[in-house]
Amino acid sequence: MTRAHDMAKPAPDAWRGRRALMAAGAALCAAVALPGQTAVAAPASSAPTPRPYAFTEDATTVKGATGTTGAEGLVPGRTYKSAVEKNATLYYGLELDDTSDAYVSVTAVPRPGTTVAFSDGVKVSLRDGNGRSCSGSGIAHIGATQSPHPITASAAREIGSAGSALCRAAGTYYLVVERTGSPGGGDSGDWDLELRPSTEPRLKKAGTTSAPEVWNSASPDPLSGEGVACRGGAGFSNATALRQGIWTDGISPGQTLFYRVPVDWGQQFYATADLGSSDSSGSGKGSVGTALVMSLYNPVRGLVDDAGLGYYGRQGSAALEPMPPVDYANRYALNDHVSGMRFAGSYYLVVHLAEQVAERFGDGPFGLTLRVRVAGEAKDGPAYAGRTEPGDLFDATVVGPGPAARGPGGDGLTGGTSDGGGGGSTMKLLAAGGIGTGTFLVLVLGVWTAIARRRVTPEPRPGGLGTASPTAHTATAMPARRGHRAARRR
């Protein structure tokens, strides 16, 4: 039977107008602070409940095989969803050429109500047809929070790196995913998986094989001022886009929030996370040893660095190590938070608040403040001999929905209460002349009205309003520095 609201479905042009208005609402999440002004942050909404992980909408469901025979094939550039039992080992196929580096990230998601232990996690590796492990493999553990949350590990096949004599031939490779944990550890239920294979072509002309030895490793002065309110996403695919500035959010115990920041070649990234004081609606006593963890992932979802924070009910802060400027040659560094900064593109900040916080300090939400800095002018990147998969993998000019938007205009972009130290190729989200939030809404409503009127126009006019589809940027397993994950290369 046809439902009433289906019978009254708007025409396609009206839908496009409605999407334009929704996009405008997303942009208003980051009302721009003009020079000399302070952006007023909207108060945090009512307590957010921990949301399930947001898998990529068009992810293809695959079933891991228990051996190489019958392993389903993965295609670089696409995203897949699967599941793994405790202590199981699964195999997936992957066809690779003899010129490209390959990276596969695996995000493991404990299901709601799952009990987890410190050592519960996943180990990920790429192996050739003879079962030999390629240049980079990784392990991700639940870690010190002992709180169920998405964890990501990655594997790599790096043709040009030192020590990578194996795995250089074209042919079938196998992604191996092992669910790890002690026999007496957490829950034995299935964990869901998001698999993301990607490839990076060789350079047109070979360059240095040594990592830069000198770069500014000093922490900059922290950004100050009032922040701009915004809501984090629930997965890599819908991570909220941020640019340089101060951003405020609310986070509840057990919740994981995802953000992404465009970082171009030659730019440095810095970030801190502040957790606000408690209202002591819980017992208000004691502490949680590792309450908050902030992790940084690169465009292929490789862990670059992380920082943890103990919580005593009063405000605390966690900061990532200063990152080197993004440089292709960083991959030759032995230090993992240096080698992880090898690509331009979207870098992901993932913040988790342990569910144990609720027992002592209440259900929240607790105030979360992110201070994000992108320093330095953008530079030209290396010349690749082919195409990445996905094609926009290292693109720092289009971020997708959210408060950050970059383009080829070449203007500086300031956001929140930024001091303007951002990248050189970012475009302004709103016109620099001072288009305010109200004016912006009026313009968008005018566009929507014009679109609606087109529906009754007898003859179509040339051109039309294009709808840009959001570009989802996705980021080798690099070891965790401070213990909530024990990712490492072997």
Protein backbone atom coordinates (compact mmCIF):
# COMPACT_ATOMS: atom_id res chain seq x y z
CA MET A 1 0.00 0.00 0.00
CA THR A 2 1.33 3.44 -0.90
CA ARG A 3 2.00 5.66 2.09
CA ALA A 4 0.74 9.23 2.13
CA HIS A 5 4.17 10.83 2.40
CA ASP A 6 5.35 8.81 -0.64
CA MET A 7 2.46 10.20 -2.70
CA ALA A 8 3.57 13.73 -1.84
CA LYS A 9 7.26 13.19 -2.54
CA PRO A 10 8.96 16.44 -3.69
CA ALA A 11 10.33 16.79 -7.18
CA PRO A 12 14.07 16.21 -7.73
CA ASP A 13 14.86 19.94 -7.89
CA ALA A 14 13.15 20.47 -4.56
CA TRP A 15 15.26 17.68 -3.07
CA ARG A 16 18.39 19.39 -4.36
CA GLY A 17 17.29 22.60 -2.71
CA ARG A 18 16.64 20.82 0.54
CA ARG A 19 20.09 19.23 0.42
CA ALA A 20 21.58 22.67 -0.18
CA LEU A 21 19.89 23.95 2.96
CA MET A 22 21.13 20.96 4.95
CA ALA A 23 24.65 21.63 3.70
CA ALA A 24 24.29 25.24 4.81
CA GLY A 25 23.32 24.03 8.27
CA ALA A 26 26.47 21.90 8.41
CA ALA A 27 28.58 24.88 7.41
CA LEU A 28 26.99 26.99 10.16
CA CYS A 29 28.49 24.49 12.61
CA ALA A 30 31.63 26.58 12.20
CA ALA A 31 30.48 30.19 12.05
CA VAL A 32 33.60 32.07 11.03
CA ALA A 33 35.17 34.43 13.52
CA LEU A 34 36.22 37.55 11.65
CA PRO A 35 39.46 39.27 12.63
CA GLY A 36 39.08 40.92 16.01
CA GLN A 37 35.87 39.06 16.82
CA THR A 38 35.14 36.01 18.93
CA ALA A 39 32.99 33.26 17.54
CA VAL A 40 30.14 32.51 19.93
CA ALA A 41 29.82 28.81 20.58
CA ALA A 42 26.38 27.33 20.90
CA PRO A 43 25.91 25.49 24.19
CA ALA A 44 26.32 21.74 24.12
CA SER A 45 23.08 19.95 23.40
CA SER A 46 21.45 17.48 25.73
CA ALA A 47 23.56 14.51 26.74
CA PRO A 48 24.55 12.59 23.62
CA THR A 49 24.24 8.86 23.92
CA PRO A 50 27.11 6.77 22.57
CA ARG A 51 26.33 6.11 18.93
CA PRO A 52 27.22 2.97 17.02
CA TYR A 53 30.14 3.18 14.63
CA ALA A 54 29.14 4.75 11.31
CA PHE A 55 30.27 2.34 8.61
CA THR A 56 30.73 3.69 5.09
CA GLU A 57 27.28 3.71 3.50
CA ASP A 58 28.30 1.94 0.29
CA ALA A 59 30.53 -0.64 2.01
CA THR A 60 30.32 -4.12 0.45
CA THR A 61 29.76 -6.98 2.88
CA VAL A 62 32.35 -9.77 2.59
CA LYS A 63 32.98 -12.91 4.62
CA GLY A 64 36.52 -13.68 5.64
CA ALA A 65 37.77 -17.16 4.76
CA THR A 66 39.50 -19.41 7.27
CA GLY A 67 42.33 -20.00 4.78
CA THR A 68 43.68 -18.59 1.56
CA THR A 69 41.53 -20.95 -0.50
CA GLY A 70 38.25 -19.24 -1.20
CA ALA A 71 39.33 -15.86 0.15
CA GLU A 72 37.08 -13.13 -1.26
CA GLY A 73 38.87 -10.44 -3.22
CA LEU A 74 39.11 -6.80 -2.16
CA VAL A 75 39.54 -3.95 -4.64
CA PRO A 76 41.75 -0.95 -3.68
CA GLY A 77 39.72 2.20 -3.30
CA ARG A 78 36.58 0.45 -2.07
CA THR A 79 35.37 -0.12 1.48
CA TYR A 80 34.16 -3.43 2.91
CA LYS A 81 32.32 -4.62 5.99
CA SER A 82 32.96 -7.97 7.65
CA ALA A 83 33.04 -9.59 11.11
CA VAL A 84 35.46 -11.71 13.13
CA GLU A 85 35.06 -14.07 16.08
CA LYS A 86 37.38 -14.08 19.06
CA ASN A 87 40.64 -15.99 18.44
CA ALA A 88 39.73 -16.39 14.75
CA THR A 89 42.01 -15.71 11.77
CA LEU A 90 40.46 -14.52 8.51
CA TYR A 91 41.84 -14.17 4.97
CA TYR A 92 40.88 -11.79 2.16
CA GLY A 93 42.47 -11.62 -1.31
CA LEU A 94 44.01 -8.55 -2.92
CA GLU A 95 45.43 -8.22 -6.44
CA LEU A 96 48.45 -5.90 -6.54
CA ASP A 97 50.78 -4.70 -9.31
CA ASP A 98 54.57 -4.56 -9.08
CA THR A 99 54.91 -0.78 -8.82
CA SER A 100 52.46 0.54 -6.20
CA ASP A 101 52.65 0.67 -2.45
CA ALA A 102 49.53 -0.79 -0.85
CA TYR A 103 47.89 -0.07 2.50
CA VAL A 104 44.96 -1.81 4.15
CA SER A 105 43.31 -0.50 7.30
CA VAL A 106 41.04 -2.62 9.48
CA THR A 107 38.74 -0.92 11.98
CA ALA A 108 37.42 -3.41 14.54
CA VAL A 109 34.21 -2.47 16.34
CA PRO A 110 33.09 -4.32 19.48
CA ARG A 111 29.33 -4.66 19.45
CA PRO A 112 27.12 -2.85 22.03
CA GLY A 113 27.20 -4.43 25.46
CA THR A 114 30.52 -6.16 24.82
CA THR A 115 32.93 -6.67 27.71
CA VAL A 116 36.54 -6.06 26.76
CA ALA A 117 39.99 -6.44 28.32
CA PHE A 118 43.25 -4.59 27.84
CA SER A 119 44.74 -7.19 25.46
CA ASP A 120 41.70 -7.64 23.24
CA GLY A 121 42.42 -6.44 19.73
CA VAL A 122 43.26 -7.26 16.14
CA LYS A 123 46.49 -8.00 14.28
CA VAL A 124 46.66 -7.18 10.58
CA SER A 125 49.22 -8.24 7.97
CA LEU A 126 49.66 -8.49 4.21
CA ARG A 127 51.25 -11.72 2.93
CA ASP A 128 52.40 -12.87 -0.45
CA GLY A 129 51.50 -16.12 -2.17
CA ASN A 130 54.18 -17.97 -0.16
CA GLY A 131 52.78 -16.77 3.16
CA ARG A 132 55.60 -14.31 3.82
CA SER A 133 54.64 -11.13 5.64
CA CYS A 134 55.26 -7.90 3.76
CA SER A 135 56.94 -4.74 5.01
CA GLY A 136 54.44 -3.40 7.52
CA SER A 137 51.95 -5.08 9.86
CA GLY A 138 50.14 -3.71 12.86
CA ILE A 139 48.33 -4.56 16.07
CA ALA A 140 45.64 -2.51 17.78
CA HIS A 141 44.52 -3.22 21.36
CA ILE A 142 41.62 -1.93 23.42
CA GLY A 143 44.34 -0.80 25.80
CA ALA A 144 44.29 0.98 29.11
CA THR A 145 40.79 2.40 28.81
CA GLN A 146 39.42 -1.18 28.93
CA SER A 147 36.35 0.34 27.34
CA PRO A 148 34.75 -0.99 24.13
CA HIS A 149 35.43 1.33 21.20
CA PRO A 150 36.54 1.19 17.56
CA ILE A 151 40.23 0.38 17.14
CA THR A 152 42.18 0.52 13.86
CA ALA A 153 45.24 -1.41 12.74
CA SER A 154 46.86 -1.43 9.31
CA ALA A 155 49.22 -3.37 7.08
CA ALA A 156 51.37 -2.25 4.18
CA ARG A 157 53.22 -3.53 1.13
CA GLU A 158 55.92 -0.89 0.56
CA ILE A 159 58.00 -1.57 -2.53
CA GLY A 160 60.48 1.28 -2.17
CA SER A 161 61.20 1.11 1.56
CA ALA A 162 64.33 -0.32 3.08
CA GLY A 163 63.99 -3.95 4.06
CA SER A 164 61.14 -4.61 1.64
CA ALA A 165 62.86 -7.09 -0.69
CA LEU A 166 59.84 -9.36 -0.34
CA CYS A 167 56.40 -8.75 -1.81
CA ARG A 168 57.54 -6.83 -4.89
CA ALA A 169 56.02 -9.03 -7.58
CA ALA A 170 52.59 -8.51 -9.09
CA GLY A 171 50.00 -11.09 -8.12
CA THR A 172 47.59 -12.16 -5.41
CA TYR A 173 48.28 -11.08 -1.85
CA TYR A 174 46.32 -11.86 1.27
CA LEU A 175 45.06 -9.59 4.00
CA VAL A 176 45.20 -11.57 7.24
CA VAL A 177 43.10 -10.39 10.19
CA GLU A 178 43.64 -12.07 13.56
CA ARG A 179 41.40 -11.41 16.54
CA THR A 180 43.68 -11.38 19.57
CA GLY A 181 43.15 -11.55 23.32
CA SER A 182 43.85 -13.69 26.35
CA PRO A 183 41.61 -16.74 26.92
CA GLY A 184 40.19 -15.17 30.06
CA GLY A 185 39.77 -11.74 28.49
CA GLY A 186 36.69 -9.98 27.25
CA ASP A 187 33.48 -11.08 25.62
CA SER A 188 33.65 -13.84 22.99
CA GLY A 189 31.07 -12.24 20.69
CA ASP A 190 31.77 -11.16 17.12
CA TRP A 191 33.40 -7.83 16.33
CA ASP A 192 32.39 -5.97 13.18
CA LEU A 193 35.13 -4.93 10.77
CA GLU A 194 35.56 -2.11 8.26
CA LEU A 195 38.25 -2.90 5.66
CA ARG A 196 39.78 -0.14 3.55
CA PRO A 197 42.46 -1.06 0.96
CA SER A 198 44.25 1.74 -0.90
CA THR A 199 47.24 2.10 -3.21
CA GLU A 200 49.91 4.73 -3.86
CA PRO A 201 51.70 4.72 -7.25
CA ARG A 202 55.45 5.11 -7.62
CA LEU A 203 57.00 8.49 -8.34
CA LYS A 204 57.71 9.60 -11.88
CA LYS A 205 61.26 10.35 -10.80
CA ALA A 206 62.92 8.73 -7.81
CA GLY A 207 63.94 11.13 -5.05
CA THR A 208 65.81 10.91 -1.77
CA THR A 209 65.55 7.76 0.32
CA SER A 210 66.43 9.54 3.56
CA ALA A 211 64.00 11.17 5.94
CA PRO A 212 64.42 14.90 6.66
CA GLU A 213 66.79 15.29 9.60
CA VAL A 214 65.86 18.81 10.71
CA TRP A 215 62.40 20.21 11.36
CA ASN A 216 60.71 22.38 13.97
CA SER A 217 59.82 20.00 16.78
CA ALA A 218 58.92 22.69 19.34
CA SER A 219 55.33 22.87 20.55
CA PRO A 220 53.70 26.14 19.47
CA ASP A 221 51.95 28.51 21.83
CA PRO A 222 48.44 27.17 22.40
CA LEU A 223 45.49 28.80 20.67
CA SER A 224 43.40 30.83 23.07
CA GLY A 225 39.91 32.28 23.12
CA GLU A 226 36.39 30.96 22.97
CA GLY A 227 35.67 28.00 20.74
CA VAL A 228 33.09 27.21 18.10
CA ALA A 229 30.59 24.44 18.83
CA CYS A 230 30.52 21.41 16.55
CA ARG A 231 29.54 17.73 16.70
CA GLY A 232 32.00 14.97 15.94
CA GLY A 233 31.14 12.14 13.60
CA ALA A 234 30.70 8.48 14.48
CA GLY A 235 33.19 6.97 12.02
CA PHE A 236 35.90 7.69 9.48
CA SER A 237 33.34 8.00 6.71
CA ASN A 238 31.38 10.81 8.38
CA ALA A 239 34.15 12.44 10.40
CA THR A 240 33.42 16.12 10.98
CA ALA A 241 35.72 18.35 8.96
CA LEU A 242 37.67 20.92 10.96
CA ARG A 243 40.24 23.55 10.12
CA GLN A 244 42.60 25.51 12.33
CA GLY A 245 40.88 26.86 15.41
CA ILE A 246 39.28 26.00 18.72
CA TRP A 247 36.31 23.63 18.59
CA THR A 248 33.97 22.61 21.42
CA ASP A 249 31.89 19.47 21.68
CA GLY A 250 30.32 17.24 24.28
CA ILE A 251 31.40 13.64 24.83
CA SER A 252 29.70 10.99 26.95
CA PRO A 253 31.31 7.98 28.62
CA GLY A 254 31.67 5.17 26.08
CA GLN A 255 31.48 7.54 23.12
CA THR A 256 33.99 7.85 20.28
CA LEU A 257 34.05 10.99 18.11
CA PHE A 258 35.73 11.38 14.72
CA TYR A 259 37.10 14.59 13.16
CA ARG A 260 39.26 15.25 10.11
CA VAL A 261 41.61 18.07 9.21
CA PRO A 262 43.12 18.79 5.77
CA VAL A 263 46.92 18.93 5.96
CA ASP A 264 48.84 19.71 2.77
CA TRP A 265 52.39 18.94 1.69
CA GLY A 266 54.85 20.97 3.77
CA GLN A 267 52.40 21.71 6.58
CA GLN A 268 52.65 20.75 10.26
CA PHE A 269 49.78 19.54 12.41
CA TYR A 270 49.28 20.10 16.14
CA ALA A 271 46.33 19.16 18.34
CA THR A 272 45.32 19.10 22.00
CA ALA A 273 42.15 17.82 23.64
CA ASP A 274 40.82 19.35 26.87
CA LEU A 275 38.29 17.43 28.96
CA GLY A 276 36.14 19.69 31.12
CA SER A 277 35.48 19.37 34.83
CA SER A 278 32.75 17.12 36.20
CA ASP A 279 29.50 18.18 37.84
CA SER A 280 29.97 15.16 40.14
CA SER A 281 26.60 13.64 39.31
CA GLY A 282 28.29 10.27 39.91
CA SER A 283 30.13 9.39 43.10
CA GLY A 284 32.57 12.21 42.37
CA LYS A 285 35.36 10.26 44.05
CA GLY A 286 38.57 8.67 42.90
CA SER A 287 39.88 8.73 39.36
CA VAL A 288 39.94 6.90 36.05
CA GLY A 289 43.53 6.08 35.09
CA THR A 290 43.07 6.39 31.33
CA ALA A 291 39.80 8.15 30.77
CA LEU A 292 40.30 9.87 27.44
CA VAL A 293 42.40 8.86 24.46
CA MET A 294 42.99 11.03 21.39
CA SER A 295 44.49 9.29 18.34
CA LEU A 296 45.77 10.70 15.07
CA TYR A 297 45.44 8.71 11.83
CA ASN A 298 46.83 9.62 8.43
CA PRO A 299 44.90 9.55 5.12
CA VAL A 300 45.25 5.76 4.80
CA ARG A 301 44.02 5.41 8.41
CA GLY A 302 47.46 4.55 9.71
CA LEU A 303 48.02 5.35 13.40
CA VAL A 304 50.52 8.20 13.68
CA ASP A 305 50.37 9.10 17.37
CA ASP A 306 48.08 9.06 20.38
CA ALA A 307 47.81 10.67 23.79
CA GLY A 308 45.96 9.59 26.93
CA LEU A 309 44.52 11.48 29.88
CA GLY A 310 43.77 10.37 33.44
CA TYR A 311 40.70 12.00 34.97
CA TYR A 312 40.07 13.14 38.53
CA GLY A 313 36.89 15.12 37.94
CA ARG A 314 38.75 18.30 37.14
CA GLN A 315 39.79 19.66 33.78
CA GLY A 316 42.73 18.00 32.07
CA SER A 317 44.51 18.18 28.75
CA ALA A 318 46.16 15.69 26.37
CA ALA A 319 48.46 16.77 23.53
CA LEU A 320 49.91 14.98 20.54
CA GLU A 321 53.63 15.20 19.91
CA PRO A 322 54.58 17.95 17.44
CA MET A 323 54.41 16.46 13.96
CA PRO A 324 56.97 17.04 11.20
CA PRO A 325 55.88 18.80 8.02
CA VAL A 326 54.13 16.44 5.63
CA ASP A 327 56.81 15.05 3.30
CA TYR A 328 57.01 12.02 1.02
CA ALA A 329 60.48 11.20 2.42
CA ASN A 330 59.14 10.92 5.99
CA ARG A 331 58.37 7.27 5.20
CA TYR A 332 62.08 6.47 5.55
CA ALA A 333 62.17 7.57 9.20
CA LEU A 334 62.45 5.01 11.99
CA ASN A 335 60.29 7.13 14.28
CA ASP A 336 56.72 6.13 13.60
CA HIS A 337 55.03 9.44 14.24
CA VAL A 338 57.43 10.89 11.66
CA SER A 339 57.00 8.15 9.06
CA GLY A 340 53.23 8.42 9.39
CA MET A 341 53.30 12.00 8.07
CA ARG A 342 54.08 10.82 4.53
CA PHE A 343 50.93 11.96 2.71
CA ALA A 344 48.90 15.09 2.21
CA GLY A 345 45.16 14.74 2.70
CA SER A 346 42.68 14.37 5.54
CA TYR A 347 44.19 13.52 8.92
CA TYR A 348 41.78 12.04 11.44
CA LEU A 349 41.45 12.88 15.13
CA VAL A 350 39.61 10.12 17.01
CA VAL A 351 38.61 10.81 20.62
CA HIS A 352 37.25 8.18 23.01
CA LEU A 353 35.98 8.66 26.58
CA ALA A 354 36.04 5.48 28.67
CA GLU A 355 32.65 4.22 29.79
CA GLN A 356 34.02 3.79 33.35
CA VAL A 357 33.93 7.58 33.73
CA ALA A 358 30.16 7.34 34.22
CA GLU A 359 30.56 5.27 37.39
CA ARG A 360 32.51 7.98 39.18
CA PHE A 361 31.54 11.23 37.53
CA GLY A 362 28.15 10.76 35.91
CA ASP A 363 26.77 10.24 32.43
CA GLY A 364 27.85 13.60 31.05
CA PRO A 365 28.20 14.90 28.47
CA PHE A 366 31.57 16.28 29.46
CA GLY A 367 32.95 19.33 27.75
CA LEU A 368 35.51 18.55 25.06
CA THR A 369 37.69 21.27 23.53
CA LEU A 370 39.94 20.57 20.55
CA ARG A 371 42.70 23.04 19.70
CA VAL A 372 43.80 22.38 16.13
CA ARG A 373 46.71 24.11 14.42
CA VAL A 374 47.94 23.66 10.84
CA ALA A 375 51.14 25.64 10.37
CA GLY A 376 53.16 26.48 7.29
CA GLU A 377 52.47 27.23 3.67
CA ALA A 378 51.29 24.43 1.43
CA LYS A 379 53.89 23.17 -1.06
CA ASP A 380 53.75 21.23 -4.28
CA GLY A 381 53.66 17.50 -3.69
CA PRO A 382 55.60 14.75 -5.46
CA ALA A 383 54.81 13.82 -9.05
CA TYR A 384 53.21 10.38 -9.12
CA ALA A 385 53.44 8.12 -12.15
CA GLY A 386 49.87 6.92 -11.78
CA ARG A 387 46.60 7.27 -9.91
CA THR A 388 45.94 6.61 -6.25
CA GLU A 389 43.06 4.39 -5.22
CA PRO A 390 40.79 5.95 -4.17
CA GLY A 391 41.55 8.81 -6.54
CA ASP A 392 41.19 11.59 -3.95
CA LEU A 393 43.22 9.83 -1.27
CA PHE A 394 45.90 12.52 -0.86
CA ASP A 395 43.72 15.46 -1.83
CA ALA A 396 43.86 18.23 0.78
CA THR A 397 41.68 20.61 -1.26
CA VAL A 398 38.25 19.04 -0.72
CA VAL A 399 37.22 17.87 2.70
CA GLY A 400 33.49 17.22 2.36
CA PRO A 401 30.67 18.11 4.77
CA GLY A 402 31.54 20.00 7.92
CA PRO A 403 33.10 23.27 8.96
CA ALA A 404 36.21 23.00 6.81
CA ALA A 405 36.13 23.54 3.08
CA ARG A 406 39.20 23.87 0.94
CA GLY A 407 39.62 24.80 -2.65
CA PRO A 408 42.03 26.14 -5.24
CA GLY A 409 41.51 29.79 -4.36
CA GLY A 410 44.82 30.07 -2.53
CA ASP A 411 43.45 32.32 0.24
CA GLY A 412 44.29 31.82 3.89
CA LEU A 413 41.51 30.38 6.04
CA THR A 414 40.90 31.15 9.68
CA GLY A 415 38.45 29.29 11.82
CA GLY A 416 37.16 29.43 15.37
CA THR A 417 39.54 31.70 17.25
CA SER A 418 42.52 30.82 15.10
CA ASP A 419 45.46 33.16 14.89
CA GLY A 420 45.67 32.58 11.16
CA GLY A 421 48.60 30.22 10.91
CA GLY A 422 46.86 27.83 8.56
CA GLY A 423 47.86 26.52 5.18
CA GLY A 424 48.42 28.62 2.13
CA SER A 425 45.98 26.93 -0.25
CA THR A 426 42.86 26.95 1.86
CA MET A 427 39.84 28.92 0.74
CA LYS A 428 37.58 30.91 2.99
CA LEU A 429 34.43 29.12 4.09
CA LEU A 430 32.46 32.33 3.93
CA ALA A 431 33.50 35.44 2.03
CA ALA A 432 36.24 37.39 3.77
CA GLY A 433 34.28 40.58 3.48
CA GLY A 434 32.20 39.52 6.44
CA ILE A 435 29.18 37.58 5.29
CA GLY A 436 27.55 36.79 8.58
CA THR A 437 25.56 33.73 9.56
CA GLY A 438 22.22 35.45 9.00
CA THR A 439 23.20 36.76 5.58
CA PHE A 440 24.45 33.33 4.60
CA LEU A 441 21.12 31.74 5.54
CA VAL A 442 19.21 34.35 3.54
CA LEU A 443 21.33 33.60 0.49
CA VAL A 444 20.77 29.87 0.84
CA LEU A 445 17.02 30.30 1.32
CA GLY A 446 16.97 32.46 -1.79
CA VAL A 447 18.70 29.74 -3.76
CA TRP A 448 16.22 27.17 -2.48
CA THR A 449 13.30 29.37 -3.47
CA ALA A 450 14.73 29.83 -6.95
CA ILE A 451 15.12 26.08 -7.33
CA ALA A 452 11.56 25.45 -6.24
CA ARG A 453 10.29 27.96 -8.82
CA ARG A 454 12.17 26.14 -11.55
CA ARG A 455 9.78 23.24 -11.11
CA VAL A 456 6.95 25.24 -12.69
CA THR A 457 9.04 26.86 -15.41
CA PRO A 458 7.57 25.77 -18.80
CA GLU A 459 10.95 25.41 -20.50
CA PRO A 460 14.15 24.31 -18.85
CA ARG A 461 16.95 26.82 -18.77
CA PRO A 462 20.50 25.89 -19.68
CA GLY A 463 22.90 25.08 -16.87
CA GLY A 464 21.49 24.49 -13.42
CA LEU A 465 22.57 24.08 -9.85
CA GLY A 466 25.06 21.27 -9.37
CA THR A 467 25.08 19.26 -6.20
CA ALA A 468 28.57 18.33 -5.08
CA SER A 469 28.68 14.96 -3.45
CA PRO A 470 30.76 14.91 -0.27
CA THR A 471 34.16 13.36 -0.69
CA ALA A 472 35.01 10.86 2.03
CA HIS A 473 38.73 10.83 2.68
CA THR A 474 40.10 7.79 4.27
CA ALA A 475 43.67 7.16 6.38
CA THR A 476 49.79 1.91 7.80
CA ALA A 477 49.82 0.88 11.17
CA MET A 478 52.13 3.01 13.22
CA PRO A 479 52.88 2.12 16.83
CA ALA A 480 51.00 3.79 19.63
CA ARG A 481 53.22 6.00 21.73
CA ARG A 482 51.38 6.01 25.00
CA GLY A 483 49.89 2.64 25.49
CA HIS A 484 46.19 2.53 24.71
CA ARG A 485 47.17 0.65 21.55
CA ALA A 486 50.17 -1.57 21.05
CA ALA A 487 50.31 -1.16 17.30
CA ARG A 488 53.72 -2.03 15.95
CA ARG A 489 55.49 -2.95 12.76
CA ARG A 490 57.09 -6.32 12.23
